[in-house]
PDB file of N, CA and C in Angstrom:
ATOM      1  N   MET A   1      16.604   0.621   8.339  1.00  0.00           N
ATOM      2  CA  MET A   1      16.686  -0.205   7.147  1.00  0.00           C
ATOM      3  C   MET A   1      15.297  -0.373   6.521  1.00  0.00           C
ATOM      4  N   ARG A   2      14.316  -0.623   7.366  1.00  0.00           N
ATOM      5  CA  ARG A   2      12.956  -0.804   6.848  1.00  0.00           C
ATOM      6  C   ARG A   2      12.465   0.482   6.191  1.00  0.00           C
ATOM      7  N   GLY A   3      12.793   1.631   6.795  1.00  0.00           N
ATOM      8  CA  GLY A   3      12.394   2.907   6.220  1.00  0.00           C
ATOM      9  C   GLY A   3      13.035   3.134   4.865  1.00  0.00           C
ATOM     10  N   GLN A   4      14.312   2.763   4.752  1.00  0.00           N
ATOM     11  CA  GLN A   4      15.010   2.871   3.466  1.00  0.00           C
ATOM     12  C   GLN A   4      14.320   2.004   2.428  1.00  0.00           C
ATOM     13  N   LEU A   5      13.965   0.803   2.822  1.00  0.00           N
ATOM     14  CA  LEU A   5      13.326  -0.133   1.906  1.00  0.00           C
ATOM     15  C   LEU A   5      11.961   0.388   1.460  1.00  0.00           C
ATOM     16  N   GLU A   6      11.185   0.893   2.395  1.00  0.00           N
ATOM     17  CA  GLU A   6       9.857   1.402   2.047  1.00  0.00           C
ATOM     18  C   GLU A   6       9.955   2.633   1.139  1.00  0.00           C
ATOM     19  N   ALA A   7      10.852   3.559   1.480  1.00  0.00           N
ATOM     20  CA  ALA A   7      11.023   4.761   0.661  1.00  0.00           C
ATOM     21  C   ALA A   7      11.553   4.398  -0.720  1.00  0.00           C
ATOM     22  N   GLY A   8      12.547   3.525  -0.749  1.00  0.00           N
ATOM     23  CA  GLY A   8      13.109   3.094  -2.031  1.00  0.00           C
ATOM     24  C   GLY A   8      12.091   2.370  -2.883  1.00  0.00           C
ATOM     25  N   SER A   9      11.242   1.580  -2.246  1.00  0.00           N
ATOM     26  CA  SER A   9      10.210   0.848  -2.972  1.00  0.00           C
ATOM     27  C   SER A   9       9.187   1.800  -3.585  1.00  0.00           C
ATOM     28  N   ARG A  10       8.793   2.823  -2.823  1.00  0.00           N
ATOM     29  CA  ARG A  10       7.844   3.809  -3.361  1.00  0.00           C
ATOM     30  C   ARG A  10       8.437   4.525  -4.570  1.00  0.00           C
ATOM     31  N   ILE A  11       9.686   4.936  -4.453  1.00  0.00           N
ATOM     32  CA  ILE A  11      10.344   5.633  -5.560  1.00  0.00           C
ATOM     33  C   ILE A  11      10.478   4.705  -6.766  1.00  0.00           C
ATOM     34  N   PHE A  12      10.846   3.453  -6.511  1.00  0.00           N
ATOM     35  CA  PHE A  12      10.993   2.487  -7.596  1.00  0.00           C
ATOM     36  C   PHE A  12       9.677   2.277  -8.336  1.00  0.00           C
ATOM     37  N   VAL A  13       8.603   2.127  -7.585  1.00  0.00           N
ATOM     38  CA  VAL A  13       7.284   1.931  -8.208  1.00  0.00           C
ATOM     39  C   VAL A  13       6.915   3.149  -9.062  1.00  0.00           C
ATOM     40  N   GLN A  14       7.184   4.334  -8.555  1.00  0.00           N
ATOM     41  CA  GLN A  14       6.918   5.555  -9.324  1.00  0.00           C
ATOM     42  C   GLN A  14       7.764   5.595 -10.589  1.00  0.00           C
ATOM     43  N   ASP A  15       9.047   5.238 -10.461  1.00  0.00           N
ATOM     44  CA  ASP A  15       9.930   5.247 -11.619  1.00  0.00           C
ATOM     45  C   ASP A  15       9.509   4.216 -12.665  1.00  0.00           C
ATOM     46  N   VAL A  16       9.089   3.040 -12.203  1.00  0.00           N
ATOM     47  CA  VAL A  16       8.623   2.006 -13.138  1.00  0.00           C
ATOM     48  C   VAL A  16       7.345   2.458 -13.837  1.00  0.00           C
ATOM     49  N   ASP A  17       6.428   3.072 -13.100  1.00  0.00           N
ATOM     50  CA  ASP A  17       5.201   3.571 -13.713  1.00  0.00           C
ATOM     51  C   ASP A  17       5.506   4.637 -14.762  1.00  0.00           C
ATOM     52  N   ALA A  18       6.421   5.543 -14.436  1.00  0.00           N
ATOM     53  CA  ALA A  18       6.810   6.582 -15.397  1.00  0.00           C
ATOM     54  C   ALA A  18       7.446   5.951 -16.623  1.00  0.00           C
ATOM     55  N   PHE A  19       8.283   4.940 -16.415  1.00  0.00           N
ATOM     56  CA  PHE A  19       8.915   4.248 -17.541  1.00  0.00           C
ATOM     57  C   PHE A  19       7.871   3.558 -18.417  1.00  0.00           C
ATOM     58  N   ARG A  20       6.932   2.870 -17.788  1.00  0.00           N
ATOM     59  CA  ARG A  20       5.885   2.176 -18.556  1.00  0.00           C
ATOM     60  C   ARG A  20       5.071   3.145 -19.406  1.00  0.00           C
ATOM     61  N   LYS A  21       4.707   4.276 -18.816  1.00  0.00           N
ATOM     62  CA  LYS A  21       3.924   5.265 -19.561  1.00  0.00           C
ATOM     63  C   LYS A  21       4.712   5.811 -20.738  1.00  0.00           C
ATOM     64  N   LYS A  22       5.980   6.136 -20.486  1.00  0.00           N
ATOM     65  CA  LYS A  22       6.827   6.669 -21.547  1.00  0.00           C
ATOM     66  C   LYS A  22       7.046   5.616 -22.632  1.00  0.00           C
ATOM     67  N   ALA A  23       7.265   4.371 -22.232  1.00  0.00           N
ATOM     68  CA  ALA A  23       7.468   3.292 -23.200  1.00  0.00           C
ATOM     69  C   ALA A  23       6.209   3.073 -24.041  1.00  0.00           C
ATOM     70  N   ALA A  24       5.052   3.141 -23.418  1.00  0.00           N
ATOM     71  CA  ALA A  24       3.801   2.981 -24.167  1.00  0.00           C
ATOM     72  C   ALA A  24       3.625   4.112 -25.175  1.00  0.00           C
ATOM     73  N   THR A  25       3.938   5.331 -24.747  1.00  0.00           N
ATOM     74  CA  THR A  25       3.850   6.483 -25.652  1.00  0.00           C
ATOM     75  C   THR A  25       4.803   6.305 -26.818  1.00  0.00           C
ATOM     76  N   GLU A  26       6.016   5.887 -26.521  1.00  0.00           N
ATOM     77  CA  GLU A  26       7.015   5.706 -27.576  1.00  0.00           C
ATOM     78  C   GLU A  26       6.652   4.549 -28.503  1.00  0.00           C
ATOM     79  N   ALA A  27       6.022   3.515 -27.984  1.00  0.00           N
ATOM     80  CA  ALA A  27       5.596   2.394 -28.828  1.00  0.00           C
ATOM     81  C   ALA A  27       4.549   2.860 -29.836  1.00  0.00           C
ATOM     82  N   THR A  28       3.643   3.729 -29.381  1.00  0.00           N
ATOM     83  CA  THR A  28       2.633   4.278 -30.283  1.00  0.00           C
ATOM     84  C   THR A  28       3.294   5.143 -31.352  1.00  0.00           C
ATOM     85  N   LYS A  29       4.231   5.964 -30.908  1.00  0.00           N
ATOM     86  CA  LYS A  29       4.949   6.820 -31.870  1.00  0.00           C
ATOM     87  C   LYS A  29       5.723   5.974 -32.876  1.00  0.00           C
ATOM     88  N   TRP A  30       6.286   4.871 -32.416  1.00  0.00           N
ATOM     89  CA  TRP A  30       7.081   4.015 -33.292  1.00  0.00           C
ATOM     90  C   TRP A  30       6.223   3.421 -34.405  1.00  0.00           C
ATOM     91  N   GLU A  31       4.997   3.055 -34.086  1.00  0.00           N
ATOM     92  CA  GLU A  31       4.103   2.497 -35.102  1.00  0.00           C
ATOM     93  C   GLU A  31       3.849   3.500 -36.235  1.00  0.00           C
ATOM     94  N   GLU A  32       3.829   4.772 -35.881  1.00  0.00           N
ATOM     95  CA  GLU A  32       3.573   5.822 -36.863  1.00  0.00           C
ATOM     96  C   GLU A  32       4.860   6.394 -37.452  1.00  0.00           C
ATOM     97  N   GLN A  33       5.983   5.900 -36.989  1.00  0.00           N
ATOM     98  CA  GLN A  33       7.291   6.430 -37.351  1.00  0.00           C
ATOM     99  C   GLN A  33       7.607   6.176 -38.822  1.00  0.00           C
ATOM    100  N   ALA A  34       8.064   7.215 -39.502  1.00  0.00           N
ATOM    101  CA  ALA A  34       8.567   7.041 -40.868  1.00  0.00           C
ATOM    102  C   ALA A  34       9.848   6.234 -40.790  1.00  0.00           C
ATOM    103  N   ARG A  35      10.152   5.495 -41.815  1.00  0.00           N
ATOM    104  CA  ARG A  35      11.330   4.618 -41.812  1.00  0.00           C
ATOM    105  C   ARG A  35      12.479   5.195 -42.637  1.00  0.00           C
ATOM    106  N   THR A  36      12.484   6.489 -42.802  1.00  0.00           N
ATOM    107  CA  THR A  36      13.588   7.127 -43.522  1.00  0.00           C
ATOM    108  C   THR A  36      14.794   7.228 -42.590  1.00  0.00           C
ATOM    109  N   ASN A  37      15.944   7.416 -43.165  1.00  0.00           N
ATOM    110  CA  ASN A  37      17.175   7.505 -42.375  1.00  0.00           C
ATOM    111  C   ASN A  37      17.109   8.649 -41.367  1.00  0.00           C
ATOM    112  N   SER A  38      16.688   9.812 -41.800  1.00  0.00           N
ATOM    113  CA  SER A  38      16.644  10.960 -40.888  1.00  0.00           C
ATOM    114  C   SER A  38      15.597  10.753 -39.783  1.00  0.00           C
ATOM    115  N   ALA A  39      14.449  10.183 -40.135  1.00  0.00           N
ATOM    116  CA  ALA A  39      13.402   9.934 -39.142  1.00  0.00           C
ATOM    117  C   ALA A  39      13.868   8.900 -38.113  1.00  0.00           C
ATOM    118  N   LEU A  40      14.594   7.880 -38.579  1.00  0.00           N
ATOM    119  CA  LEU A  40      15.103   6.869 -37.655  1.00  0.00           C
ATOM    120  C   LEU A  40      16.196   7.443 -36.747  1.00  0.00           C
ATOM    121  N   ASN A  41      17.010   8.346 -37.278  1.00  0.00           N
ATOM    122  CA  ASN A  41      18.016   9.017 -36.444  1.00  0.00           C
ATOM    123  C   ASN A  41      17.345   9.868 -35.370  1.00  0.00           C
ATOM    124  N   GLU A  42      16.269  10.552 -35.735  1.00  0.00           N
ATOM    125  CA  GLU A  42      15.522  11.344 -34.754  1.00  0.00           C
ATOM    126  C   GLU A  42      14.898  10.433 -33.689  1.00  0.00           C
ATOM    127  N   ALA A  43      14.383   9.296 -34.129  1.00  0.00           N
ATOM    128  CA  ALA A  43      13.787   8.351 -33.176  1.00  0.00           C
ATOM    129  C   ALA A  43      14.842   7.813 -32.217  1.00  0.00           C
ATOM    130  N   THR A  44      16.023   7.558 -32.722  1.00  0.00           N
ATOM    131  CA  THR A  44      17.111   7.085 -31.873  1.00  0.00           C
ATOM    132  C   THR A  44      17.428   8.114 -30.795  1.00  0.00           C
ATOM    133  N   ALA A  45      17.504   9.364 -31.199  1.00  0.00           N
ATOM    134  CA  ALA A  45      17.770  10.435 -30.229  1.00  0.00           C
ATOM    135  C   ALA A  45      16.623  10.562 -29.233  1.00  0.00           C
ATOM    136  N   ARG A  46      15.398  10.393 -29.705  1.00  0.00           N
ATOM    137  CA  ARG A  46      14.225  10.502 -28.838  1.00  0.00           C
ATOM    138  C   ARG A  46      14.157   9.343 -27.839  1.00  0.00           C
ATOM    139  N   LEU A  47      14.615   8.161 -28.264  1.00  0.00           N
ATOM    140  CA  LEU A  47      14.537   6.972 -27.411  1.00  0.00           C
ATOM    141  C   LEU A  47      15.724   6.820 -26.456  1.00  0.00           C
ATOM    142  N   ALA A  48      16.776   7.568 -26.665  1.00  0.00           N
ATOM    143  CA  ALA A  48      17.969   7.451 -25.804  1.00  0.00           C
ATOM    144  C   ALA A  48      17.650   7.674 -24.322  1.00  0.00           C
ATOM    145  N   PRO A  49      16.879   8.707 -23.963  1.00  0.00           N
ATOM    146  CA  PRO A  49      16.557   8.874 -22.535  1.00  0.00           C
ATOM    147  C   PRO A  49      15.753   7.696 -21.959  1.00  0.00           C
ATOM    148  N   LEU A  50      14.907   7.100 -22.778  1.00  0.00           N
ATOM    149  CA  LEU A  50      14.127   5.949 -22.321  1.00  0.00           C
ATOM    150  C   LEU A  50      15.052   4.761 -22.046  1.00  0.00           C
ATOM    151  N   ALA A  51      16.031   4.568 -22.911  1.00  0.00           N
ATOM    152  CA  ALA A  51      17.007   3.490 -22.691  1.00  0.00           C
ATOM    153  C   ALA A  51      17.801   3.743 -21.413  1.00  0.00           C
ATOM    154  N   GLU A  52      18.187   4.969 -21.199  1.00  0.00           N
ATOM    155  CA  GLU A  52      18.927   5.330 -19.988  1.00  0.00           C
ATOM    156  C   GLU A  52      18.065   5.093 -18.748  1.00  0.00           C
ATOM    157  N   GLN A  53      16.804   5.458 -18.855  1.00  0.00           N
ATOM    158  CA  GLN A  53      15.874   5.264 -17.736  1.00  0.00           C
ATOM    159  C   GLN A  53      15.740   3.780 -17.406  1.00  0.00           C
ATOM    160  N   SER A  54      15.680   2.943 -18.419  1.00  0.00           N
ATOM    161  CA  SER A  54      15.568   1.502 -18.167  1.00  0.00           C
ATOM    162  C   SER A  54      16.825   0.967 -17.499  1.00  0.00           C
ATOM    163  N   ARG A  55      17.987   1.460 -17.899  1.00  0.00           N
ATOM    164  CA  ARG A  55      19.240   1.030 -17.258  1.00  0.00           C
ATOM    165  C   ARG A  55      19.305   1.496 -15.801  1.00  0.00           C
ATOM    166  N   ASP A  56      18.722   2.637 -15.497  1.00  0.00           N
ATOM    167  CA  ASP A  56      18.716   3.149 -14.127  1.00  0.00           C
ATOM    168  C   ASP A  56      17.838   2.307 -13.201  1.00  0.00           C
ATOM    169  N   LEU A  57      16.842   1.635 -13.749  1.00  0.00           N
ATOM    170  CA  LEU A  57      15.947   0.827 -12.922  1.00  0.00           C
ATOM    171  C   LEU A  57      16.630  -0.424 -12.375  1.00  0.00           C
ATOM    172  N   VAL A  58      17.608  -0.931 -13.098  1.00  0.00           N
ATOM    173  CA  VAL A  58      18.268  -2.173 -12.686  1.00  0.00           C
ATOM    174  C   VAL A  58      18.978  -2.022 -11.343  1.00  0.00           C
ATOM    175  N   PRO A  59      19.854  -1.009 -11.154  1.00  0.00           N
ATOM    176  CA  PRO A  59      20.486  -0.894  -9.841  1.00  0.00           C
ATOM    177  C   PRO A  59      19.495  -0.567  -8.721  1.00  0.00           C
ATOM    178  N   GLN A  60      18.420   0.142  -9.052  1.00  0.00           N
ATOM    179  CA  GLN A  60      17.397   0.417  -8.040  1.00  0.00           C
ATOM    180  C   GLN A  60      16.778  -0.886  -7.562  1.00  0.00           C
ATOM    181  N   ALA A  61      16.410  -1.748  -8.503  1.00  0.00           N
ATOM    182  CA  ALA A  61      15.806  -3.033  -8.146  1.00  0.00           C
ATOM    183  C   ALA A  61      16.789  -3.889  -7.354  1.00  0.00           C
ATOM    184  N   ASP A  62      18.039  -3.877  -7.760  1.00  0.00           N
ATOM    185  CA  ASP A  62      19.061  -4.641  -7.058  1.00  0.00           C
ATOM    186  C   ASP A  62      19.214  -4.165  -5.612  1.00  0.00           C
ATOM    187  N   LEU A  63      19.258  -2.864  -5.421  1.00  0.00           N
ATOM    188  CA  LEU A  63      19.384  -2.309  -4.071  1.00  0.00           C
ATOM    189  C   LEU A  63      18.188  -2.699  -3.205  1.00  0.00           C
ATOM    190  N   LEU A  64      16.990  -2.622  -3.770  1.00  0.00           N
ATOM    191  CA  LEU A  64      15.798  -2.986  -3.003  1.00  0.00           C
ATOM    192  C   LEU A  64      15.818  -4.454  -2.596  1.00  0.00           C
ATOM    193  N   CYS A  65      16.255  -5.305  -3.491  1.00  0.00           N
ATOM    194  CA  CYS A  65      16.332  -6.732  -3.147  1.00  0.00           C
ATOM    195  C   CYS A  65      17.355  -6.971  -2.045  1.00  0.00           C
ATOM    196  N   LYS A  66      18.481  -6.263  -2.102  1.00  0.00           N
ATOM    197  CA  LYS A  66      19.496  -6.413  -1.053  1.00  0.00           C
ATOM    198  C   LYS A  66      18.970  -5.903   0.287  1.00  0.00           C
ATOM    199  N   LEU A  67      18.278  -4.758   0.265  1.00  0.00           N
ATOM    200  CA  LEU A  67      17.714  -4.224   1.507  1.00  0.00           C
ATOM    201  C   LEU A  67      16.671  -5.167   2.092  1.00  0.00           C
ATOM    202  N   ALA A  68      15.819  -5.720   1.231  1.00  0.00           N
ATOM    203  CA  ALA A  68      14.798  -6.661   1.710  1.00  0.00           C
ATOM    204  C   ALA A  68      15.452  -7.898   2.311  1.00  0.00           C
ATOM    205  N   SER A  69      16.499  -8.368   1.673  1.00  0.00           N
ATOM    206  CA  SER A  69      17.201  -9.544   2.180  1.00  0.00           C
ATOM    207  C   SER A  69      17.841  -9.248   3.535  1.00  0.00           C
ATOM    208  N   ARG A  70      18.443  -8.080   3.678  1.00  0.00           N
ATOM    209  CA  ARG A  70      19.038  -7.705   4.966  1.00  0.00           C
ATOM    210  C   ARG A  70      17.975  -7.585   6.050  1.00  0.00           C
ATOM    211  N   LEU A  71      16.830  -7.011   5.686  1.00  0.00           N
ATOM    212  CA  LEU A  71      15.746  -6.871   6.655  1.00  0.00           C
ATOM    213  C   LEU A  71      15.264  -8.243   7.123  1.00  0.00           C
ATOM    214  N   ILE A  72      15.125  -9.160   6.197  1.00  0.00           N
ATOM    215  CA  ILE A  72      14.710 -10.522   6.552  1.00  0.00           C
ATOM    216  C   ILE A  72      15.740 -11.158   7.477  1.00  0.00           C
ATOM    217  N   ASN A  73      17.021 -10.982   7.156  1.00  0.00           N
ATOM    218  CA  ASN A  73      18.073 -11.541   8.014  1.00  0.00           C
ATOM    219  C   ASN A  73      18.019 -10.972   9.424  1.00  0.00           C
ATOM    220  N   VAL A  74      17.803  -9.680   9.541  1.00  0.00           N
ATOM    221  CA  VAL A  74      17.693  -9.056  10.867  1.00  0.00           C
ATOM    222  C   VAL A  74      16.498  -9.631  11.613  1.00  0.00           C
ATOM    223  N   CYS A  75      15.374  -9.737  10.922  1.00  0.00           N
ATOM    224  CA  CYS A  75      14.172 -10.281  11.573  1.00  0.00           C
ATOM    225  C   CYS A  75      14.402 -11.708  12.056  1.00  0.00           C
ATOM    226  N   GLU A  76      15.016 -12.524  11.205  1.00  0.00           N
ATOM    227  CA  GLU A  76      15.206 -13.927  11.555  1.00  0.00           C
ATOM    228  C   GLU A  76      16.318 -14.134  12.589  1.00  0.00           C
ATOM    229  N   ASN A  77      17.423 -13.432  12.430  1.00  0.00           N
ATOM    230  CA  ASN A  77      18.594 -13.716  13.265  1.00  0.00           C
ATOM    231  C   ASN A  77      18.650 -12.904  14.554  1.00  0.00           C
ATOM    232  N   GLU A  78      18.277 -11.646  14.489  1.00  0.00           N
ATOM    233  CA  GLU A  78      18.392 -10.798  15.670  1.00  0.00           C
ATOM    234  C   GLU A  78      17.084 -10.670  16.453  1.00  0.00           C
ATOM    235  N   LEU A  79      15.976 -10.772  15.759  1.00  0.00           N
ATOM    236  CA  LEU A  79      14.686 -10.581  16.413  1.00  0.00           C
ATOM    237  C   LEU A  79      13.924 -11.891  16.605  1.00  0.00           C
ATOM    238  N   GLU A  80      14.553 -12.986  16.250  1.00  0.00           N
ATOM    239  CA  GLU A  80      13.995 -14.322  16.440  1.00  0.00           C
ATOM    240  C   GLU A  80      12.600 -14.485  15.830  1.00  0.00           C
ATOM    241  N   ALA A  81      12.425 -13.936  14.648  1.00  0.00           N
ATOM    242  CA  ALA A  81      11.123 -14.013  13.981  1.00  0.00           C
ATOM    243  C   ALA A  81      10.728 -15.445  13.652  1.00  0.00           C
ATOM    244  N   LYS A  82      11.707 -16.299  13.404  1.00  0.00           N
ATOM    245  CA  LYS A  82      11.393 -17.697  13.069  1.00  0.00           C
ATOM    246  C   LYS A  82      10.675 -18.412  14.208  1.00  0.00           C
ATOM    247  N   GLU A  83      10.851 -17.918  15.413  1.00  0.00           N
ATOM    248  CA  GLU A  83      10.213 -18.538  16.572  1.00  0.00           C
ATOM    249  C   GLU A  83       8.728 -18.190  16.662  1.00  0.00           C
ATOM    250  N   SER A  84       8.303 -17.177  15.934  1.00  0.00           N
ATOM    251  CA  SER A  84       6.911 -16.746  15.968  1.00  0.00           C
ATOM    252  C   SER A  84       6.091 -17.556  14.969  1.00  0.00           C
ATOM    253  N   ASN A  85       4.879 -17.906  15.368  1.00  0.00           N
ATOM    254  CA  ASN A  85       4.003 -18.607  14.433  1.00  0.00           C
ATOM    255  C   ASN A  85       3.446 -17.660  13.376  1.00  0.00           C
ATOM    256  N   LEU A  86       3.692 -16.366  13.531  1.00  0.00           N
ATOM    257  CA  LEU A  86       3.259 -15.378  12.539  1.00  0.00           C
ATOM    258  C   LEU A  86       4.257 -15.232  11.396  1.00  0.00           C
ATOM    259  N   TRP A  87       5.468 -15.736  11.581  1.00  0.00           N
ATOM    260  CA  TRP A  87       6.508 -15.656  10.555  1.00  0.00           C
ATOM    261  C   TRP A  87       6.293 -16.794   9.568  1.00  0.00           C
ATOM    262  N   VAL A  88       6.170 -16.467   8.314  1.00  0.00           N
ATOM    263  CA  VAL A  88       5.888 -17.478   7.292  1.00  0.00           C
ATOM    264  C   VAL A  88       7.189 -17.867   6.588  1.00  0.00           C
ATOM    265  N   SER A  89       7.933 -18.737   7.222  1.00  0.00           N
ATOM    266  CA  SER A  89       9.260 -19.127   6.727  1.00  0.00           C
ATOM    267  C   SER A  89       9.216 -19.672   5.302  1.00  0.00           C
ATOM    268  N   ARG A  90       8.226 -20.485   5.019  1.00  0.00           N
ATOM    269  CA  ARG A  90       8.134 -21.085   3.684  1.00  0.00           C
ATOM    270  C   ARG A  90       7.938 -20.004   2.624  1.00  0.00           C
ATOM    271  N   GLU A  91       7.068 -19.054   2.893  1.00  0.00           N
ATOM    272  CA  GLU A  91       6.802 -17.970   1.948  1.00  0.00           C
ATOM    273  C   GLU A  91       8.032 -17.076   1.771  1.00  0.00           C
ATOM    274  N   ILE A  92       8.715 -16.807   2.854  1.00  0.00           N
ATOM    275  CA  ILE A  92       9.928 -15.985   2.809  1.00  0.00           C
ATOM    276  C   ILE A  92      11.008 -16.696   2.005  1.00  0.00           C
ATOM    277  N   ALA A  93      11.234 -17.975   2.270  1.00  0.00           N
ATOM    278  CA  ALA A  93      12.258 -18.741   1.558  1.00  0.00           C
ATOM    279  C   ALA A  93      11.928 -18.818   0.067  1.00  0.00           C
ATOM    280  N   LYS A  94      10.672 -19.025  -0.235  1.00  0.00           N
ATOM    281  CA  LYS A  94      10.238 -19.101  -1.631  1.00  0.00           C
ATOM    282  C   LYS A  94      10.451 -17.762  -2.336  1.00  0.00           C
ATOM    283  N   ALA A  95      10.142 -16.671  -1.656  1.00  0.00           N
ATOM    284  CA  ALA A  95      10.317 -15.342  -2.232  1.00  0.00           C
ATOM    285  C   ALA A  95      11.790 -15.044  -2.473  1.00  0.00           C
ATOM    286  N   ARG A  96      12.658 -15.531  -1.616  1.00  0.00           N
ATOM    287  CA  ARG A  96      14.097 -15.298  -1.791  1.00  0.00           C
ATOM    288  C   ARG A  96      14.644 -16.041  -3.002  1.00  0.00           C
ATOM    289  N   LYS A  97      14.065 -17.185  -3.328  1.00  0.00           N
ATOM    290  CA  LYS A  97      14.554 -17.999  -4.440  1.00  0.00           C
ATOM    291  C   LYS A  97      13.954 -17.589  -5.775  1.00  0.00           C
ATOM    292  N   THR A  98      12.774 -17.009  -5.745  1.00  0.00           N
ATOM    293  CA  THR A  98      12.055 -16.658  -6.958  1.00  0.00           C
ATOM    294  C   THR A  98      12.276 -15.191  -7.282  1.00  0.00           C
ATOM    295  N   PRO A  99      12.660 -14.893  -8.521  1.00  0.00           N
ATOM    296  CA  PRO A  99      12.797 -13.479  -8.868  1.00  0.00           C
ATOM    297  C   PRO A  99      11.422 -12.810  -8.871  1.00  0.00           C
ATOM    298  N   ILE A 100      11.251 -11.861  -7.951  1.00  0.00           N
ATOM    299  CA  ILE A 100       9.993 -11.138  -7.845  1.00  0.00           C
ATOM    300  C   ILE A 100      10.284  -9.662  -7.706  1.00  0.00           C
ATOM    301  N   LEU A 101       9.259  -8.874  -7.819  1.00  0.00           N
ATOM    302  CA  LEU A 101       9.433  -7.445  -7.622  1.00  0.00           C
ATOM    303  C   LEU A 101       9.729  -7.157  -6.164  1.00  0.00           C
ATOM    304  N   PRO A 102      10.584  -6.187  -5.901  1.00  0.00           N
ATOM    305  CA  PRO A 102      10.919  -5.864  -4.515  1.00  0.00           C
ATOM    306  C   PRO A 102       9.695  -5.536  -3.667  1.00  0.00           C
ATOM    307  N   GLY A 103       8.667  -4.955  -4.261  1.00  0.00           N
ATOM    308  CA  GLY A 103       7.465  -4.614  -3.506  1.00  0.00           C
ATOM    309  C   GLY A 103       6.802  -5.832  -2.901  1.00  0.00           C
ATOM    310  N   LYS A 104       6.832  -6.958  -3.609  1.00  0.00           N
ATOM    311  CA  LYS A 104       6.258  -8.204  -3.095  1.00  0.00           C
ATOM    312  C   LYS A 104       7.051  -8.681  -1.891  1.00  0.00           C
ATOM    313  N   LEU A 105       8.366  -8.688  -2.014  1.00  0.00           N
ATOM    314  CA  LEU A 105       9.207  -9.099  -0.905  1.00  0.00           C
ATOM    315  C   LEU A 105       9.060  -8.141   0.264  1.00  0.00           C
ATOM    316  N   LEU A 106       8.937  -6.862  -0.034  1.00  0.00           N
ATOM    317  CA  LEU A 106       8.740  -5.858   1.011  1.00  0.00           C
ATOM    318  C   LEU A 106       7.455  -6.141   1.765  1.00  0.00           C
ATOM    319  N   SER A 107       6.381  -6.443   1.058  1.00  0.00           N
ATOM    320  CA  SER A 107       5.114  -6.668   1.741  1.00  0.00           C
ATOM    321  C   SER A 107       5.182  -7.913   2.617  1.00  0.00           C
ATOM    322  N   ILE A 108       5.888  -8.921   2.162  1.00  0.00           N
ATOM    323  CA  ILE A 108       6.029 -10.132   2.959  1.00  0.00           C
ATOM    324  C   ILE A 108       6.884  -9.846   4.180  1.00  0.00           C
ATOM    325  N   SER A 109       8.041  -9.245   3.966  1.00  0.00           N
ATOM    326  CA  SER A 109       8.992  -9.082   5.069  1.00  0.00           C
ATOM    327  C   SER A 109       8.569  -8.010   6.053  1.00  0.00           C
ATOM    328  N   SER A 110       8.072  -6.878   5.586  1.00  0.00           N
ATOM    329  CA  SER A 110       7.769  -5.795   6.517  1.00  0.00           C
ATOM    330  C   SER A 110       6.586  -6.135   7.415  1.00  0.00           C
ATOM    331  N   ASN A 111       5.590  -6.824   6.888  1.00  0.00           N
ATOM    332  CA  ASN A 111       4.452  -7.206   7.718  1.00  0.00           C
ATOM    333  C   ASN A 111       4.878  -8.165   8.815  1.00  0.00           C
ATOM    334  N   ARG A 112       5.711  -9.106   8.482  1.00  0.00           N
ATOM    335  CA  ARG A 112       6.132 -10.101   9.472  1.00  0.00           C
ATOM    336  C   ARG A 112       7.143  -9.497  10.441  1.00  0.00           C
ATOM    337  N   CYS A 113       8.032  -8.670   9.929  1.00  0.00           N
ATOM    338  CA  CYS A 113       9.058  -8.099  10.795  1.00  0.00           C
ATOM    339  C   CYS A 113       8.433  -7.121  11.801  1.00  0.00           C
ATOM    340  N   ALA A 114       7.403  -6.427  11.401  1.00  0.00           N
ATOM    341  CA  ALA A 114       6.735  -5.488  12.315  1.00  0.00           C
ATOM    342  C   ALA A 114       6.191  -6.242  13.520  1.00  0.00           C
ATOM    343  N   ILE A 115       5.709  -7.435  13.292  1.00  0.00           N
ATOM    344  CA  ILE A 115       5.181  -8.246  14.378  1.00  0.00           C
ATOM    345  C   ILE A 115       6.317  -8.683  15.293  1.00  0.00           C
ATOM    346  N   SER A 116       7.439  -9.125  14.701  1.00  0.00           N
ATOM    347  CA  SER A 116       8.528  -9.629  15.531  1.00  0.00           C
ATOM    348  C   SER A 116       9.309  -8.528  16.201  1.00  0.00           C
ATOM    349  N   THR A 117       9.335  -7.306  15.653  1.00  0.00           N
ATOM    350  CA  THR A 117      10.092  -6.235  16.291  1.00  0.00           C
ATOM    351  C   THR A 117       9.430  -5.755  17.564  1.00  0.00           C
ATOM    352  N   SER A 118       8.174  -6.094  17.760  1.00  0.00           N
ATOM    353  CA  SER A 118       7.521  -5.710  19.004  1.00  0.00           C
ATOM    354  C   SER A 118       8.086  -6.495  20.189  1.00  0.00           C
ATOM    355  N   ARG A 119       8.761  -7.597  19.877  1.00  0.00           N
ATOM    356  CA  ARG A 119       9.417  -8.391  20.908  1.00  0.00           C
ATOM    357  C   ARG A 119      10.910  -8.072  20.893  1.00  0.00           C
ATOM    358  N   ALA A 120      11.256  -6.922  21.373  1.00  0.00           N
ATOM    359  CA  ALA A 120      12.659  -6.515  21.374  1.00  0.00           C
ATOM    360  C   ALA A 120      13.471  -7.457  22.260  1.00  0.00           C
ATOM    361  N   PRO A 121      14.657  -7.843  21.772  1.00  0.00           N
ATOM    362  CA  PRO A 121      15.491  -8.732  22.590  1.00  0.00           C
ATOM    363  C   PRO A 121      15.864  -8.040  23.896  1.00  0.00           C
ATOM    364  N   GLY A 122      15.864  -8.749  24.920  1.00  0.00           N
ATOM    365  CA  GLY A 122      16.172  -8.076  26.179  1.00  0.00           C
ATOM    366  C   GLY A 122      16.514  -8.960  27.243  1.00  0.00           C
TER     367      GLY A 122
END
C-alpha cells in the first residue's frame, strides 16, 4: 500500500507540474489570442486537452487521499503506531480534516509508519 501511495504520488506530482506548465503556456497564448469567432473556436479546440487533463487529476488526487488514509489506519490500528511517542497523532488528525495535497499527507504518514512498522506485531 505504501509503495502504491509513493508511486502514485510521484506520478501525480509530475502530472500536476505538466498541467501547470501547459496552463501557463495557454494563459500566455490567451492574452495574445484574437477574439474573432474562428480564432475562439480554434482556442476551444486547443484548450480541450487541457480541460481533460484537469479532470483526470481529480480522481488521481482522490485515490491518493484514500490510499494515505488507509495507510494511516493500518499504522494506527494494526501496527499500534499511536502507542509510539514518534507518532504525531495531532498532526495526523489535523491533516485528515484539512484538505491538503496528498504529498503532504504522504510525508506525514510514511515517515511515521516506517518507524512503527519496524515493530511488527508478534
